[in-house]
N, C-alpha and C. Protein backbone atom coordinates (compact mmCIF):
# COMPACT_ATOMS: atom_id res chain seq x y z
N MET A 1 0.15 -21.26 -17.61
CA MET A 1 -0.23 -20.66 -18.84
C MET A 1 0.60 -19.45 -19.15
N GLN A 2 1.09 -19.28 -20.37
CA GLN A 2 1.91 -18.13 -20.72
C GLN A 2 1.09 -16.84 -20.75
N LYS A 3 1.77 -15.75 -20.52
CA LYS A 3 1.14 -14.44 -20.48
C LYS A 3 0.40 -14.15 -21.77
N ASN A 4 1.04 -14.45 -22.91
CA ASN A 4 0.33 -14.14 -24.19
C ASN A 4 -0.82 -14.94 -24.38
N THR A 5 -0.80 -16.25 -23.99
CA THR A 5 -2.00 -17.14 -24.10
C THR A 5 -3.12 -16.65 -23.23
N LEU A 6 -2.77 -16.30 -21.99
CA LEU A 6 -3.80 -15.66 -21.09
C LEU A 6 -4.39 -14.44 -21.52
N LEU A 7 -3.59 -13.50 -22.12
CA LEU A 7 -4.14 -12.29 -22.73
C LEU A 7 -5.05 -12.60 -23.88
N ALA A 8 -4.62 -13.50 -24.83
CA ALA A 8 -5.44 -13.75 -25.96
C ALA A 8 -6.79 -14.39 -25.49
N LEU A 9 -6.68 -15.36 -24.63
CA LEU A 9 -7.92 -16.06 -24.15
C LEU A 9 -8.87 -15.14 -23.44
N SER A 10 -8.29 -14.29 -22.56
CA SER A 10 -9.15 -13.30 -21.86
C SER A 10 -9.78 -12.37 -22.80
N SER A 11 -9.07 -11.89 -23.81
CA SER A 11 -9.63 -10.95 -24.79
C SER A 11 -10.74 -11.56 -25.60
N VAL A 12 -10.46 -12.82 -26.14
CA VAL A 12 -11.50 -13.46 -26.97
C VAL A 12 -12.80 -13.73 -26.16
N LEU A 13 -12.68 -14.15 -24.93
CA LEU A 13 -13.81 -14.42 -24.09
C LEU A 13 -14.56 -13.09 -23.78
N GLU A 14 -13.83 -12.05 -23.61
CA GLU A 14 -14.49 -10.69 -23.44
C GLU A 14 -15.23 -10.28 -24.66
N PHE A 15 -14.70 -10.45 -25.87
CA PHE A 15 -15.39 -10.15 -27.07
C PHE A 15 -16.66 -11.01 -27.24
N ALA A 16 -16.49 -12.30 -26.85
CA ALA A 16 -17.62 -13.22 -26.99
C ALA A 16 -18.79 -12.78 -26.08
N ALA A 17 -18.50 -12.18 -25.02
CA ALA A 17 -19.52 -11.72 -24.06
C ALA A 17 -20.32 -10.49 -24.60
N ALA A 18 -19.77 -9.84 -25.58
CA ALA A 18 -20.39 -8.62 -26.23
C ALA A 18 -20.20 -8.73 -27.73
N PRO A 19 -20.84 -9.71 -28.41
CA PRO A 19 -20.69 -9.86 -29.82
C PRO A 19 -21.14 -8.60 -30.56
N GLY A 20 -20.49 -8.32 -31.65
CA GLY A 20 -20.88 -7.16 -32.47
C GLY A 20 -20.21 -5.88 -32.05
N ARG A 21 -19.60 -5.81 -30.85
CA ARG A 21 -19.02 -4.60 -30.36
C ARG A 21 -17.57 -4.57 -30.77
N HIS A 22 -17.07 -3.43 -31.30
CA HIS A 22 -15.68 -3.25 -31.63
C HIS A 22 -14.92 -2.78 -30.39
N VAL A 23 -13.78 -3.42 -30.16
CA VAL A 23 -12.93 -3.07 -28.98
C VAL A 23 -11.59 -2.60 -29.49
N ALA A 24 -11.08 -1.46 -29.09
CA ALA A 24 -9.79 -1.01 -29.46
C ALA A 24 -8.63 -1.76 -28.83
N ALA A 25 -7.59 -1.96 -29.57
CA ALA A 25 -6.42 -2.70 -28.93
C ALA A 25 -5.93 -1.91 -27.77
N PHE A 26 -5.96 -0.59 -27.81
CA PHE A 26 -5.55 0.18 -26.68
C PHE A 26 -6.38 -0.06 -25.43
N ASP A 27 -7.67 -0.24 -25.62
CA ASP A 27 -8.54 -0.54 -24.43
C ASP A 27 -8.18 -1.86 -23.83
N ILE A 28 -7.84 -2.88 -24.71
CA ILE A 28 -7.46 -4.19 -24.15
C ILE A 28 -6.12 -4.06 -23.38
N ALA A 29 -5.18 -3.26 -23.98
CA ALA A 29 -3.97 -3.07 -23.35
C ALA A 29 -4.10 -2.39 -21.95
N GLU A 30 -4.94 -1.44 -21.89
CA GLU A 30 -5.13 -0.70 -20.66
C GLU A 30 -5.82 -1.61 -19.62
N LYS A 31 -6.80 -2.40 -20.01
CA LYS A 31 -7.46 -3.26 -19.04
C LYS A 31 -6.57 -4.35 -18.48
N TYR A 32 -5.71 -4.95 -19.33
CA TYR A 32 -4.83 -5.97 -18.89
C TYR A 32 -3.43 -5.57 -18.55
N ARG A 33 -3.28 -4.17 -18.56
CA ARG A 33 -1.99 -3.58 -18.13
C ARG A 33 -0.77 -4.16 -18.87
N VAL A 34 -0.86 -4.04 -20.29
CA VAL A 34 0.26 -4.44 -21.07
C VAL A 34 0.48 -3.23 -22.02
N SER A 35 1.59 -3.31 -22.76
CA SER A 35 1.96 -2.26 -23.70
C SER A 35 0.92 -2.19 -24.81
N PRO A 36 0.56 -1.04 -25.37
CA PRO A 36 -0.41 -0.93 -26.46
C PRO A 36 -0.26 -1.87 -27.71
N PRO A 37 1.04 -2.08 -28.08
CA PRO A 37 1.13 -3.00 -29.26
C PRO A 37 0.97 -4.45 -28.94
N HIS A 38 0.98 -4.74 -27.64
CA HIS A 38 0.99 -6.23 -27.29
C HIS A 38 -0.29 -6.87 -27.73
N PRO A 39 -1.48 -6.37 -27.47
CA PRO A 39 -2.73 -7.05 -27.95
C PRO A 39 -2.68 -7.29 -29.51
N ALA A 40 -2.23 -6.33 -30.19
CA ALA A 40 -2.21 -6.45 -31.67
C ALA A 40 -1.32 -7.70 -32.04
N ASN A 41 -0.23 -7.88 -31.37
CA ASN A 41 0.69 -8.95 -31.67
C ASN A 41 0.08 -10.28 -31.26
N VAL A 42 -0.54 -10.31 -30.13
CA VAL A 42 -1.13 -11.55 -29.60
C VAL A 42 -2.37 -12.02 -30.41
N LEU A 43 -3.16 -10.96 -30.82
CA LEU A 43 -4.43 -11.28 -31.49
C LEU A 43 -4.31 -11.36 -32.97
N SER A 44 -3.12 -11.25 -33.53
CA SER A 44 -3.00 -11.25 -34.97
C SER A 44 -3.36 -12.67 -35.53
N ASP A 45 -3.14 -13.72 -34.76
CA ASP A 45 -3.42 -15.11 -35.26
C ASP A 45 -4.87 -15.42 -35.36
N PRO A 46 -5.75 -15.14 -34.38
CA PRO A 46 -7.15 -15.56 -34.50
C PRO A 46 -7.93 -14.81 -35.52
N ALA A 47 -7.47 -13.54 -35.84
CA ALA A 47 -8.32 -12.76 -36.82
C ALA A 47 -8.48 -13.54 -38.17
N PRO A 48 -7.42 -14.02 -38.77
CA PRO A 48 -7.56 -14.71 -40.04
C PRO A 48 -8.34 -16.10 -39.83
N ALA A 49 -8.35 -16.62 -38.67
CA ALA A 49 -8.95 -17.87 -38.44
C ALA A 49 -10.47 -17.84 -38.27
N GLY A 50 -11.02 -16.59 -38.30
CA GLY A 50 -12.44 -16.45 -38.24
C GLY A 50 -12.98 -16.25 -36.84
N ILE A 51 -12.11 -16.07 -35.80
CA ILE A 51 -12.57 -15.91 -34.48
C ILE A 51 -12.86 -14.38 -34.25
N LEU A 52 -11.96 -13.58 -34.83
CA LEU A 52 -12.01 -12.13 -34.66
C LEU A 52 -12.00 -11.46 -36.03
N ASP A 53 -12.63 -10.36 -36.07
CA ASP A 53 -12.58 -9.46 -37.30
C ASP A 53 -11.78 -8.27 -36.79
N SER A 54 -10.73 -7.94 -37.58
CA SER A 54 -9.89 -6.85 -37.10
C SER A 54 -9.99 -5.72 -38.07
N ALA A 55 -9.86 -4.42 -37.55
CA ALA A 55 -9.96 -3.26 -38.39
C ALA A 55 -8.60 -2.57 -38.17
N PRO A 56 -7.90 -2.33 -39.30
CA PRO A 56 -6.57 -1.76 -39.22
C PRO A 56 -6.61 -0.21 -38.82
N GLY A 57 -5.50 0.29 -38.49
CA GLY A 57 -5.42 1.75 -38.19
C GLY A 57 -4.87 1.90 -36.77
N VAL A 58 -4.76 3.18 -36.37
CA VAL A 58 -4.24 3.52 -35.13
C VAL A 58 -5.15 2.92 -34.03
N GLY A 59 -4.58 2.17 -33.14
CA GLY A 59 -5.40 1.58 -32.10
C GLY A 59 -6.34 0.51 -32.63
N GLY A 60 -5.98 -0.12 -33.74
CA GLY A 60 -6.80 -1.13 -34.35
C GLY A 60 -7.96 -1.76 -33.48
N ARG A 61 -9.01 -2.10 -34.02
CA ARG A 61 -10.16 -2.60 -33.35
C ARG A 61 -10.45 -3.99 -33.68
N TYR A 62 -11.04 -4.66 -32.74
CA TYR A 62 -11.37 -6.16 -32.95
C TYR A 62 -12.86 -6.33 -32.64
N ARG A 63 -13.49 -7.31 -33.25
CA ARG A 63 -14.83 -7.67 -33.04
C ARG A 63 -14.95 -9.24 -33.15
N PHE A 64 -15.73 -9.85 -32.28
CA PHE A 64 -15.96 -11.23 -32.27
C PHE A 64 -16.79 -11.62 -33.45
N THR A 65 -16.43 -12.71 -34.22
CA THR A 65 -17.21 -13.05 -35.37
C THR A 65 -17.93 -14.41 -35.28
N ARG A 66 -17.81 -15.07 -34.19
CA ARG A 66 -18.38 -16.35 -34.12
C ARG A 66 -19.38 -16.42 -32.95
N HIS A 67 -20.32 -17.40 -32.99
CA HIS A 67 -21.28 -17.60 -31.89
C HIS A 67 -20.42 -18.03 -30.69
N ALA A 68 -20.70 -17.55 -29.50
CA ALA A 68 -19.86 -17.86 -28.36
C ALA A 68 -20.09 -19.32 -27.82
N LEU A 69 -21.15 -19.91 -28.08
CA LEU A 69 -21.40 -21.23 -27.46
C LEU A 69 -20.41 -22.34 -27.80
N PRO A 70 -19.99 -22.48 -29.16
CA PRO A 70 -19.10 -23.57 -29.50
C PRO A 70 -17.64 -23.35 -29.06
N LEU A 71 -17.36 -22.18 -28.52
CA LEU A 71 -15.98 -21.97 -28.03
C LEU A 71 -15.65 -22.74 -26.84
N GLN A 72 -14.49 -23.35 -26.79
CA GLN A 72 -14.06 -24.10 -25.70
C GLN A 72 -12.74 -23.51 -25.19
N PRO A 73 -12.69 -22.93 -23.96
CA PRO A 73 -11.45 -22.20 -23.54
C PRO A 73 -10.20 -23.13 -23.62
N PRO A 74 -10.25 -24.41 -23.22
CA PRO A 74 -9.00 -25.15 -23.36
C PRO A 74 -8.54 -25.32 -24.88
N ARG A 75 -9.45 -25.39 -25.73
CA ARG A 75 -9.10 -25.50 -27.20
C ARG A 75 -8.50 -24.16 -27.66
N LEU A 76 -9.11 -23.08 -27.21
CA LEU A 76 -8.56 -21.76 -27.58
C LEU A 76 -7.20 -21.59 -27.06
N ALA A 77 -6.98 -22.02 -25.80
CA ALA A 77 -5.72 -21.85 -25.17
C ALA A 77 -4.62 -22.66 -25.93
N ARG A 78 -4.97 -23.79 -26.38
CA ARG A 78 -3.95 -24.61 -27.15
C ARG A 78 -3.62 -23.88 -28.47
N ARG A 79 -4.65 -23.28 -29.05
CA ARG A 79 -4.45 -22.63 -30.32
C ARG A 79 -3.49 -21.43 -30.11
N PHE A 80 -3.70 -20.66 -29.09
CA PHE A 80 -2.81 -19.46 -28.83
C PHE A 80 -1.47 -19.89 -28.38
N ALA A 81 -1.37 -21.00 -27.69
CA ALA A 81 -0.06 -21.43 -27.18
C ALA A 81 0.87 -21.95 -28.25
N GLY A 82 0.31 -22.24 -29.51
CA GLY A 82 1.09 -22.59 -30.66
C GLY A 82 0.91 -24.04 -30.84
């Protein structure tokens, strides 16, 4: 699995575990030891698709917008892999 796909999948599953909570892109970068702009680049695709709600600004924030049960990790991985 590519690094971007793994980061995106791990982030989305983390958001799903705490629905309603906003998480800063900086916090994701710190947790997964990547550069701060990296999460924003990787997570830019699911936000419009209704998986995440994003808030612009310095250190942009993300929040999970779907019920976690219908998510299937292999399906998400294919989506992020392109």
